Amino acid sequence: MKQTMKAALLTTFGGPDVVSIGETALRDMQPDEATVRIEAAGVNPLDKYGPAGGP
C-alpha cells in the first residue's frame, strides 16, 4: 500500500480559489533523499500570483 500525504493541489491556473487541500501519493525515495514531517506551513502573500500566471 502506497503512503500518502496532505498537499496543496494546483490543477489549473487561476486565483486562490483554484488551490485545494487533498491527499497525494508519496513518491519513491532516492538513496540521497529524506522524508520530513511538516507540522505547520505558511504562504507568502506573493505566492498567490504563481497560479494566476504572474502579477
N, C-alpha and C. Protein backbone atom coordinates (compact mmCIF):
# COMPACT_ATOMS: atom_id res chain seq x y z
N MET A 1 0.85 -1.19 0.00
CA MET A 1 0.00 0.00 0.00
C MET A 1 0.89 1.24 0.00
N LYS A 2 0.66 2.15 -0.93
CA LYS A 2 1.46 3.35 -1.06
C LYS A 2 1.04 4.38 0.00
N GLN A 3 2.04 5.02 0.62
CA GLN A 3 1.75 6.04 1.62
C GLN A 3 1.30 7.32 0.93
N THR A 4 0.48 8.10 1.63
CA THR A 4 0.00 9.36 1.08
C THR A 4 0.37 10.50 2.01
N MET A 5 0.24 11.72 1.50
CA MET A 5 0.46 12.92 2.30
C MET A 5 -0.57 13.96 1.91
N LYS A 6 -0.84 14.90 2.82
CA LYS A 6 -1.70 16.03 2.50
C LYS A 6 -0.88 17.04 1.73
N ALA A 7 -1.51 17.69 0.76
CA ALA A 7 -0.80 18.66 -0.07
C ALA A 7 -1.75 19.74 -0.57
N ALA A 8 -1.19 20.91 -0.85
CA ALA A 8 -1.94 21.96 -1.53
C ALA A 8 -1.87 21.62 -3.01
N LEU A 9 -3.00 21.39 -3.63
CA LEU A 9 -3.06 20.93 -5.01
C LEU A 9 -3.48 22.06 -5.93
N LEU A 10 -2.68 22.28 -6.99
CA LEU A 10 -2.98 23.27 -8.01
C LEU A 10 -3.14 22.51 -9.31
N THR A 11 -4.34 22.47 -9.85
CA THR A 11 -4.58 21.71 -11.08
C THR A 11 -4.80 22.59 -12.30
N THR A 12 -4.88 23.90 -12.10
CA THR A 12 -5.12 24.83 -13.20
C THR A 12 -4.64 26.22 -12.80
N PHE A 13 -4.47 27.11 -13.76
CA PHE A 13 -4.15 28.50 -13.46
C PHE A 13 -5.37 29.20 -12.92
N GLY A 14 -5.16 30.19 -12.05
CA GLY A 14 -6.27 30.96 -11.50
C GLY A 14 -5.88 31.59 -10.19
N GLY A 15 -6.85 32.14 -9.51
CA GLY A 15 -6.64 32.79 -8.23
C GLY A 15 -6.59 31.79 -7.08
N PRO A 16 -6.67 32.29 -5.86
CA PRO A 16 -6.61 31.42 -4.68
C PRO A 16 -7.71 30.36 -4.65
N ASP A 17 -8.78 30.57 -5.39
CA ASP A 17 -9.89 29.62 -5.40
C ASP A 17 -9.54 28.31 -6.11
N VAL A 18 -8.43 28.25 -6.88
CA VAL A 18 -8.06 27.01 -7.55
C VAL A 18 -7.20 26.10 -6.67
N VAL A 19 -6.79 26.59 -5.50
CA VAL A 19 -5.98 25.79 -4.58
C VAL A 19 -6.91 24.94 -3.72
N SER A 20 -6.65 23.64 -3.67
CA SER A 20 -7.43 22.77 -2.80
C SER A 20 -6.47 21.92 -1.97
N ILE A 21 -6.92 21.48 -0.82
CA ILE A 21 -6.14 20.60 0.04
C ILE A 21 -6.63 19.18 -0.19
N GLY A 22 -5.71 18.27 -0.45
CA GLY A 22 -6.10 16.89 -0.73
C GLY A 22 -4.97 15.93 -0.40
N GLU A 23 -5.19 14.67 -0.72
CA GLU A 23 -4.20 13.62 -0.49
C GLU A 23 -3.50 13.29 -1.81
N THR A 24 -2.21 13.05 -1.74
CA THR A 24 -1.44 12.64 -2.90
C THR A 24 -0.43 11.59 -2.47
N ALA A 25 -0.02 10.74 -3.39
CA ALA A 25 0.91 9.66 -3.05
C ALA A 25 2.31 10.20 -2.84
N LEU A 26 3.02 9.62 -1.86
CA LEU A 26 4.44 9.93 -1.68
C LEU A 26 5.20 9.29 -2.83
N ARG A 27 6.17 10.00 -3.37
CA ARG A 27 6.94 9.42 -4.47
C ARG A 27 8.02 8.51 -3.91
N ASP A 28 8.57 7.67 -4.75
CA ASP A 28 9.64 6.77 -4.33
C ASP A 28 10.87 7.59 -3.96
N MET A 29 11.48 7.24 -2.83
CA MET A 29 12.64 7.95 -2.33
C MET A 29 13.90 7.51 -3.05
N GLN A 30 14.82 8.43 -3.25
CA GLN A 30 16.14 8.15 -3.80
C GLN A 30 17.09 7.95 -2.62
N PRO A 31 18.21 7.26 -2.82
CA PRO A 31 19.14 6.99 -1.71
C PRO A 31 19.66 8.23 -1.00
N ASP A 32 19.74 9.37 -1.69
CA ASP A 32 20.29 10.59 -1.07
C ASP A 32 19.19 11.56 -0.62
N GLU A 33 17.96 11.08 -0.43
CA GLU A 33 16.84 11.92 -0.01
C GLU A 33 16.32 11.50 1.36
N ALA A 34 15.55 12.39 1.98
CA ALA A 34 14.94 12.11 3.28
C ALA A 34 13.50 12.60 3.27
N THR A 35 12.66 11.96 4.06
CA THR A 35 11.28 12.41 4.25
C THR A 35 11.23 13.24 5.52
N VAL A 36 10.58 14.40 5.46
CA VAL A 36 10.48 15.31 6.60
C VAL A 36 9.02 15.54 6.91
N ARG A 37 8.63 15.38 8.16
CA ARG A 37 7.25 15.64 8.58
C ARG A 37 7.12 17.13 8.90
N ILE A 38 6.17 17.78 8.25
CA ILE A 38 5.91 19.20 8.46
C ILE A 38 4.72 19.34 9.40
N GLU A 39 4.90 20.09 10.46
CA GLU A 39 3.82 20.30 11.43
C GLU A 39 3.00 21.57 11.13
N ALA A 40 3.62 22.55 10.48
CA ALA A 40 2.93 23.79 10.14
C ALA A 40 3.60 24.39 8.92
N ALA A 41 2.86 25.15 8.14
CA ALA A 41 3.41 25.80 6.95
C ALA A 41 2.71 27.14 6.74
N GLY A 42 3.36 28.01 6.03
CA GLY A 42 2.78 29.31 5.73
C GLY A 42 2.88 29.59 4.25
N VAL A 43 2.19 30.62 3.80
CA VAL A 43 2.20 31.01 2.41
C VAL A 43 2.57 32.48 2.34
N ASN A 44 3.55 32.79 1.50
CA ASN A 44 3.96 34.16 1.25
C ASN A 44 2.85 34.84 0.44
N PRO A 45 2.45 36.06 0.79
CA PRO A 45 1.39 36.73 0.02
C PRO A 45 1.68 36.81 -1.48
N LEU A 46 2.95 36.89 -1.88
CA LEU A 46 3.27 36.94 -3.31
C LEU A 46 3.05 35.60 -4.01
N ASP A 47 2.97 34.50 -3.26
CA ASP A 47 2.75 33.19 -3.85
C ASP A 47 1.40 33.08 -4.55
N LYS A 48 0.46 33.96 -4.24
CA LYS A 48 -0.85 33.90 -4.88
C LYS A 48 -0.76 34.25 -6.37
N TYR A 49 0.34 34.89 -6.80
CA TYR A 49 0.48 35.25 -8.21
C TYR A 49 0.95 34.10 -9.08
N GLY A 50 1.62 33.09 -8.52
CA GLY A 50 2.12 31.96 -9.30
C GLY A 50 1.03 31.24 -10.06
N PRO A 51 -0.01 30.76 -9.37
CA PRO A 51 -1.08 30.04 -10.08
C PRO A 51 -1.86 30.95 -11.04
N ALA A 52 -1.81 32.25 -10.82
CA ALA A 52 -2.55 33.18 -11.69
C ALA A 52 -1.75 33.53 -12.94
N GLY A 53 -0.48 33.09 -13.03
CA GLY A 53 0.31 33.36 -14.22
C GLY A 53 1.16 34.60 -14.12
N GLY A 54 1.29 35.21 -12.96
CA GLY A 54 2.14 36.39 -12.77
C GLY A 54 1.38 37.53 -12.14
N PRO A 55 2.12 38.59 -11.73
CA PRO A 55 1.47 39.73 -11.07
C PRO A 55 0.65 40.60 -12.01
